[in-house]
Amino acid sequence: MVGIEPCQDTLKWGSLRSQNITFGQAVDMTPDFDAQFDGLFGMAFPSLSSAGLEPPFFTFAHQRLLNANQFSFTLGESGGRLDLGKVPGSAADDHVTWVKLVKPQFWAVNVQSIEVELRHPTLINIAGAATEARLQARRSIHLPESGKINLNVKGIGLLDSGTTTILCPSAMATNINRLIGASDNGLHVDCSASTIGPTFYFTIGDGSSGDRIVIPVAPHQYILGDGNPGHGCMSAFQPGGPKNKWILGLPFFANRTITFNIDDGRIGFSQLRPNLSLYERDIDDTVDTESRAKNEGPEGAEDVAGRGDPTVEYDKVGAKVGNDA
């Protein structure tokens, strides 16, 4: 638990600079709060703030400092990045599929179905006594050995970059984990499942206005480990989500750019190009704030901030950034 007091300060973020940003200063932390970061930079809607504070991104938007009132997470094999405003170059609007929010209070979309592409070797190539037990568990939920099946799922998916797993309704998590050969709670699975496990295809959006997209989640995305098979692996499909609700965490973000737009109440999805550098820029999307500031002085630099392309790399930010509440 953390006790906070509201404070105000000037916030600089890339080329942006905004005065009178309100934030909560931690003044009392219980011993169980073992934070491995400097703070929380929330991206959720202001209505979810327990202290009634407006998140800085929404303040930027209200002060018209951004070239578009949206933010984007890009998560690739070489790392991740967060863009405020338009996504530069790598994911232009004509390559984005937009999906309407369920309601403009949560970053949540409709989950219409989940199709599973099974491959016969998924379990039988995992050697050892545990294999038969997993096969029996698989048979107990009447799943075939190969082909495609549709999990009868309809619900709401909350996209949350601050969650490292995919939280599922408990019964569905059990079925999925049996399907991939994991323990029912997902905490134990053979690391080889990362190459031979099934692929899950999430269909999201309501489809009424063409806003529907199929998002594949491959085994290397949902089998989690530290790269050392001796340490074991776990499944990203974890029980604990409320009935008919999913928390779609980082495995859902992998190898794509996801854009959160507050003006239109929608989320955009675009797949990363193979071998794309996360730091590629179109020259027209880049604003050299430093050189402009030298030529025009501090006032010129502030003017540029309104049209810039502020980007922050995860490994250079001393705060946990998430669009969770």
Protein backbone atom coordinates (compact mmCIF):
# COMPACT_ATOMS: atom_id res chain seq x y z
CA MET A 1 0.00 0.00 0.00
CA VAL A 2 1.13 3.53 -0.75
CA GLY A 3 -0.12 6.80 0.72
CA ILE A 4 0.13 9.81 -1.59
CA GLU A 5 -0.17 13.57 -1.49
CA PRO A 6 -1.09 15.57 -4.62
CA CYS A 7 1.73 17.78 -5.92
CA GLN A 8 2.35 19.90 -9.00
CA ASP A 9 5.47 20.34 -11.08
CA THR A 10 6.71 20.99 -14.63
CA LEU A 11 6.98 17.79 -16.66
CA LYS A 12 9.35 17.35 -19.60
CA TRP A 13 8.79 14.36 -21.88
CA GLY A 14 10.93 14.24 -25.00
CA SER A 15 10.30 17.55 -26.73
CA LEU A 16 7.19 18.27 -24.64
CA ARG A 17 7.11 20.60 -21.67
CA SER A 18 4.03 21.19 -19.55
CA GLN A 19 3.59 23.19 -16.38
CA ASN A 20 1.30 22.44 -13.43
CA ILE A 21 1.20 18.69 -13.97
CA THR A 22 -0.49 17.08 -10.97
CA PHE A 23 0.92 13.83 -9.64
CA GLY A 24 0.78 11.79 -6.47
CA GLN A 25 3.90 11.92 -4.33
CA ALA A 26 4.46 8.78 -2.27
CA VAL A 27 4.71 9.77 1.38
CA ASP A 28 3.99 6.47 3.09
CA MET A 29 4.79 2.97 1.82
CA THR A 30 4.13 -0.27 3.66
CA PRO A 31 7.02 -2.80 3.82
CA ASP A 32 5.31 -5.14 1.34
CA PHE A 33 5.52 -2.49 -1.41
CA ASP A 34 8.83 -3.53 -2.96
CA ALA A 35 8.90 -1.34 -6.05
CA GLN A 36 11.60 -1.99 -8.66
CA PHE A 37 10.84 1.27 -10.43
CA ASP A 38 10.80 4.98 -9.64
CA GLY A 39 7.10 5.52 -10.11
CA LEU A 40 3.94 4.78 -12.10
CA PHE A 41 3.04 6.68 -15.26
CA GLY A 42 -0.58 5.74 -15.72
CA MET A 43 -2.31 5.97 -19.10
CA ALA A 44 -5.82 5.02 -17.96
CA PHE A 45 -8.83 7.28 -18.25
CA PRO A 46 -9.08 10.01 -15.56
CA SER A 47 -12.39 8.58 -14.29
CA LEU A 48 -10.44 5.59 -12.94
CA SER A 49 -8.08 7.66 -10.81
CA SER A 50 -8.67 6.79 -7.16
CA ALA A 51 -7.31 10.19 -6.10
CA GLY A 52 -9.19 12.12 -8.80
CA LEU A 53 -5.94 13.18 -10.53
CA GLU A 54 -5.66 13.69 -14.29
CA PRO A 55 -2.93 11.53 -15.89
CA PRO A 56 -0.23 13.63 -17.61
CA PHE A 57 -1.09 12.31 -21.08
CA PHE A 58 -4.62 13.68 -20.78
CA THR A 59 -3.21 17.00 -19.60
CA PHE A 60 -0.96 17.08 -22.69
CA ALA A 61 -4.04 16.45 -24.82
CA HIS A 62 -6.11 19.16 -23.13
CA GLN A 63 -3.25 21.63 -23.53
CA ARG A 64 -3.07 20.71 -27.26
CA LEU A 65 0.60 19.79 -27.07
CA LEU A 66 0.30 16.66 -29.24
CA ASN A 67 0.00 16.28 -33.00
CA ALA A 68 -2.68 13.62 -32.30
CA ASN A 69 -4.40 12.79 -29.03
CA GLN A 70 -3.17 9.24 -28.87
CA PHE A 71 -0.31 7.15 -27.55
CA SER A 72 1.20 3.95 -28.89
CA PHE A 73 3.17 1.02 -27.54
CA THR A 74 5.48 -0.81 -29.93
CA LEU A 75 6.94 -4.07 -28.67
CA GLY A 76 9.43 -5.88 -30.90
CA GLU A 77 12.17 -8.44 -30.54
CA SER A 78 14.78 -5.74 -29.94
CA GLY A 79 12.84 -3.88 -27.26
CA GLY A 80 9.92 -1.52 -26.87
CA ARG A 81 8.97 2.11 -27.22
CA LEU A 82 6.18 4.48 -26.31
CA ASP A 83 5.10 7.27 -28.66
CA LEU A 84 2.88 10.18 -27.67
CA GLY A 85 1.01 11.53 -30.70
CA LYS A 86 1.30 10.11 -34.20
CA VAL A 87 3.29 6.94 -34.76
CA PRO A 88 6.28 7.85 -36.94
CA GLY A 89 6.85 6.08 -40.22
CA SER A 90 6.71 2.43 -39.22
CA ALA A 91 2.93 2.21 -38.79
CA ALA A 92 1.11 4.84 -40.83
CA ASP A 93 -2.66 5.13 -40.47
CA ASP A 94 -3.37 3.22 -43.68
CA HIS A 95 -1.75 0.14 -42.14
CA VAL A 96 -3.72 0.33 -38.89
CA THR A 97 -6.94 -1.57 -38.16
CA TRP A 98 -9.06 0.40 -35.70
CA VAL A 99 -11.43 -1.16 -33.18
CA LYS A 100 -13.99 0.80 -31.18
CA LEU A 101 -13.85 0.77 -27.40
CA VAL A 102 -16.67 -0.92 -25.51
CA LYS A 103 -17.10 2.42 -23.75
CA PRO A 104 -14.74 5.41 -23.39
CA GLN A 105 -13.81 4.64 -19.81
CA PHE A 106 -11.62 1.58 -20.19
CA TRP A 107 -9.15 0.55 -22.88
CA ALA A 108 -11.39 -2.44 -23.55
CA VAL A 109 -12.69 -4.09 -26.73
CA ASN A 110 -15.10 -6.91 -27.52
CA VAL A 111 -13.61 -10.39 -27.76
CA GLN A 112 -15.75 -12.30 -30.27
CA SER A 113 -13.98 -15.64 -30.46
CA ILE A 114 -10.72 -17.52 -29.97
CA GLU A 115 -9.71 -20.07 -32.58
CA VAL A 116 -6.94 -22.52 -31.71
CA GLU A 117 -4.68 -24.01 -34.34
CA LEU A 118 -3.57 -27.35 -32.92
CA ARG A 119 -0.52 -29.23 -34.04
CA HIS A 120 -0.26 -32.94 -33.35
CA PRO A 121 3.25 -32.83 -31.77
CA THR A 122 2.16 -30.32 -29.12
CA LEU A 123 2.08 -32.86 -26.30
CA ILE A 124 3.35 -36.17 -27.55
CA ASN A 125 6.80 -34.75 -28.27
CA ILE A 126 7.19 -33.67 -24.66
CA ALA A 127 8.96 -36.68 -23.21
CA GLY A 128 8.54 -38.13 -19.76
CA ALA A 129 5.86 -39.45 -17.46
CA ALA A 130 4.07 -36.13 -17.46
CA THR A 131 3.17 -36.57 -21.13
CA GLU A 132 0.49 -39.22 -20.51
CA ALA A 133 -1.03 -37.17 -17.71
CA ARG A 134 -1.25 -34.17 -20.01
CA LEU A 135 -2.76 -36.26 -22.77
CA GLN A 136 -5.39 -37.56 -20.34
CA ALA A 137 -6.15 -34.00 -19.25
CA ARG A 138 -6.47 -33.01 -22.88
CA ARG A 139 -8.87 -35.86 -23.60
CA SER A 140 -10.91 -34.90 -20.54
CA ILE A 141 -11.92 -31.67 -22.24
CA HIS A 142 -12.64 -33.48 -25.53
CA LEU A 143 -10.07 -31.73 -27.69
CA PRO A 144 -8.68 -33.22 -30.89
CA GLU A 145 -4.98 -33.88 -31.43
CA SER A 146 -4.67 -31.59 -34.44
CA GLY A 147 -6.62 -29.19 -36.64
CA LYS A 148 -8.55 -26.09 -35.59
CA ILE A 149 -11.13 -25.65 -32.88
CA ASN A 150 -13.12 -22.66 -31.72
CA LEU A 151 -13.29 -21.85 -28.03
CA ASN A 152 -16.81 -20.62 -27.38
CA VAL A 153 -15.78 -17.25 -26.04
CA LYS A 154 -17.56 -13.91 -25.99
CA GLY A 155 -16.56 -11.20 -23.61
CA ILE A 156 -14.52 -8.07 -23.06
CA GLY A 157 -10.75 -7.75 -23.31
CA LEU A 158 -8.95 -5.00 -21.41
CA LEU A 159 -5.62 -4.16 -23.05
CA ASP A 160 -3.07 -3.49 -20.35
CA SER A 161 0.62 -2.92 -21.00
CA GLY A 162 1.24 -3.07 -17.25
CA THR A 163 0.28 -6.77 -17.04
CA THR A 164 2.88 -9.37 -18.02
CA THR A 165 0.38 -12.20 -18.59
CA ILE A 166 -3.07 -12.80 -20.09
CA LEU A 167 -5.60 -13.09 -17.27
CA CYS A 168 -8.49 -15.37 -18.25
CA PRO A 169 -11.74 -16.49 -16.66
CA SER A 170 -10.60 -19.34 -14.43
CA ALA A 171 -12.38 -22.20 -16.22
CA MET A 172 -11.09 -21.05 -19.59
CA ALA A 173 -7.53 -20.72 -18.24
CA THR A 174 -7.68 -24.34 -17.08
CA ASN A 175 -8.85 -25.56 -20.49
CA ILE A 176 -6.23 -23.53 -22.37
CA ASN A 177 -3.40 -24.66 -20.11
CA ARG A 178 -4.40 -28.30 -20.48
CA LEU A 179 -4.44 -27.75 -24.21
CA ILE A 180 -0.85 -26.49 -24.29
CA GLY A 181 0.38 -29.10 -21.81
CA ALA A 182 0.74 -26.83 -18.79
CA SER A 183 -0.47 -27.30 -15.24
CA ASP A 184 -4.03 -26.11 -14.66
CA ASN A 185 -2.81 -22.90 -13.02
CA GLY A 186 -0.28 -22.32 -15.80
CA LEU A 187 2.70 -22.03 -13.47
CA HIS A 188 4.49 -25.06 -14.88
CA VAL A 189 5.01 -26.05 -18.51
CA ASP A 190 7.81 -27.66 -20.47
CA CYS A 191 9.81 -24.90 -22.18
CA SER A 192 9.73 -26.82 -25.48
CA ALA A 193 6.08 -25.80 -25.77
CA SER A 194 7.38 -22.40 -26.94
CA THR A 195 8.13 -23.97 -30.34
CA ILE A 196 5.49 -26.71 -30.68
CA GLY A 197 2.46 -25.29 -28.88
CA PRO A 198 -0.77 -24.21 -30.59
CA THR A 199 -1.42 -20.71 -31.87
CA PHE A 200 -4.41 -18.78 -30.51
CA TYR A 201 -6.29 -16.41 -32.82
CA PHE A 202 -8.28 -13.73 -30.96
CA THR A 203 -11.04 -12.08 -32.99
CA ILE A 204 -11.76 -8.68 -31.46
CA GLY A 205 -14.14 -5.84 -32.32
CA ASP A 206 -17.87 -5.85 -32.93
CA GLY A 207 -17.74 -6.05 -36.71
CA SER A 208 -20.68 -3.68 -37.15
CA SER A 209 -18.62 -1.07 -38.96
CA GLY A 210 -15.80 -3.25 -40.23
CA ASP A 211 -13.81 -2.80 -37.05
CA ARG A 212 -12.80 -6.39 -36.53
CA ILE A 213 -9.32 -7.90 -36.50
CA VAL A 214 -7.79 -11.31 -35.80
CA ILE A 215 -4.77 -11.18 -33.49
CA PRO A 216 -2.55 -14.29 -33.41
CA VAL A 217 -0.76 -15.16 -30.17
CA ALA A 218 1.97 -17.68 -30.96
CA PRO A 219 3.59 -20.13 -28.49
CA HIS A 220 6.83 -18.14 -28.21
CA GLN A 221 4.69 -15.23 -27.00
CA TYR A 222 2.72 -17.05 -24.31
CA ILE A 223 5.37 -19.44 -22.96
CA LEU A 224 7.31 -17.34 -20.46
CA GLY A 225 10.80 -18.04 -19.14
CA ASP A 226 14.22 -16.51 -18.65
CA GLY A 227 15.84 -18.37 -21.54
CA ASN A 228 17.26 -21.12 -19.35
CA PRO A 229 15.13 -24.31 -19.68
CA GLY A 230 16.62 -25.55 -16.41
CA HIS A 231 14.74 -22.80 -14.61
CA GLY A 232 11.42 -23.92 -16.06
CA CYS A 233 8.72 -21.99 -17.88
CA MET A 234 5.16 -20.89 -17.26
CA SER A 235 2.11 -20.16 -19.36
CA ALA A 236 0.98 -16.58 -19.85
CA PHE A 237 -2.64 -17.75 -19.65
CA GLN A 238 -3.35 -17.22 -15.97
CA PRO A 239 -6.62 -17.70 -14.06
CA GLY A 240 -8.12 -14.81 -12.16
CA GLY A 241 -10.01 -12.77 -14.70
CA PRO A 242 -13.67 -12.06 -13.90
CA LYS A 243 -16.37 -13.93 -15.79
CA ASN A 244 -16.36 -13.12 -19.51
CA LYS A 245 -13.52 -10.63 -19.04
CA TRP A 246 -9.90 -10.90 -20.11
CA ILE A 247 -6.86 -8.80 -19.22
CA LEU A 248 -4.77 -8.79 -22.40
CA GLY A 249 -1.24 -8.07 -21.21
CA LEU A 250 2.20 -7.95 -22.82
CA PRO A 251 2.02 -11.25 -24.76
CA PHE A 252 -0.82 -9.64 -26.72
CA PHE A 253 1.40 -6.62 -27.54
CA ALA A 254 4.36 -8.58 -28.93
CA ASN A 255 5.50 -7.84 -32.50
CA ARG A 256 2.96 -5.10 -33.08
CA THR A 257 2.14 -1.46 -32.49
CA ILE A 258 -1.03 -0.79 -30.50
CA THR A 259 -2.38 2.77 -30.55
CA PHE A 260 -4.82 4.22 -28.01
CA ASN A 261 -6.82 7.18 -29.34
CA ILE A 262 -8.89 9.23 -26.90
CA ASP A 263 -10.63 11.55 -29.37
CA ASP A 264 -12.32 8.76 -31.33
CA GLY A 265 -12.52 6.19 -28.52
CA ARG A 266 -10.70 3.45 -30.39
CA ILE A 267 -7.61 1.24 -30.42
CA GLY A 268 -5.48 0.65 -33.51
CA PHE A 269 -3.46 -2.48 -34.33
CA SER A 270 -0.61 -2.81 -36.80
CA GLN A 271 1.87 -5.63 -37.29
CA LEU A 272 5.59 -4.85 -37.23
CA ARG A 273 7.50 -5.39 -40.45
CA PRO A 274 10.12 -8.17 -40.29
CA ASN A 275 13.51 -6.93 -39.06
CA LEU A 276 12.12 -3.46 -38.38
CA SER A 277 14.29 -1.26 -36.21
CA LEU A 278 12.11 0.23 -33.48
CA TYR A 279 13.91 3.51 -33.94
CA GLU A 280 13.30 3.99 -37.66
CA ARG A 281 11.99 7.43 -38.51
CA ASP A 282 10.56 9.08 -41.57
CA ILE A 283 12.49 12.32 -41.91
CA ASP A 284 9.28 14.38 -41.97
CA ASP A 285 8.22 12.91 -38.63
CA THR A 286 11.32 14.03 -36.75
CA VAL A 287 11.67 17.42 -35.11
CA ASP A 288 15.18 18.40 -34.06
CA THR A 289 14.23 20.33 -30.96
CA GLU A 290 17.81 20.94 -29.87
CA SER A 291 18.94 22.59 -33.11
CA ARG A 292 15.75 24.68 -33.34
CA ALA A 293 16.25 25.80 -29.77
CA LYS A 294 19.77 27.03 -30.59
CA ASN A 295 18.47 29.07 -33.52
CA GLU A 296 15.28 30.36 -31.99
CA GLY A 297 15.95 30.36 -28.26
CA PRO A 298 13.84 28.82 -25.49
CA GLU A 299 10.57 30.16 -26.87
CA GLY A 300 11.22 28.47 -30.22
CA ALA A 301 11.93 25.21 -28.48
CA GLU A 302 8.63 25.37 -26.64
CA ASP A 303 6.82 26.06 -29.91
CA VAL A 304 8.38 22.99 -31.49
CA ALA A 305 7.19 20.90 -28.56
CA GLY A 306 3.63 21.29 -29.76
CA ARG A 307 4.41 19.57 -33.04
CA GLY A 308 7.16 17.18 -32.04
CA ASP A 309 7.33 13.43 -31.96
CA PRO A 310 8.10 12.59 -28.31
CA THR A 311 9.36 9.06 -27.93
CA VAL A 312 10.62 7.27 -24.87
CA GLU A 313 12.49 3.99 -24.87
CA TYR A 314 11.54 1.66 -22.04
CA ASP A 315 15.13 1.11 -20.93
CA LYS A 316 15.66 4.84 -20.48
CA VAL A 317 12.61 5.54 -18.36
CA GLY A 318 12.78 5.20 -14.59
CA ALA A 319 9.07 4.62 -14.28
CA LYS A 320 6.67 1.81 -14.98
CA VAL A 321 4.45 2.90 -17.86
CA GLY A 322 1.10 1.20 -18.16
CA ASN A 323 -2.39 1.90 -19.38
CA ASP A 324 -3.89 0.02 -16.47
CA ALA A 325 -6.04 1.74 -13.87
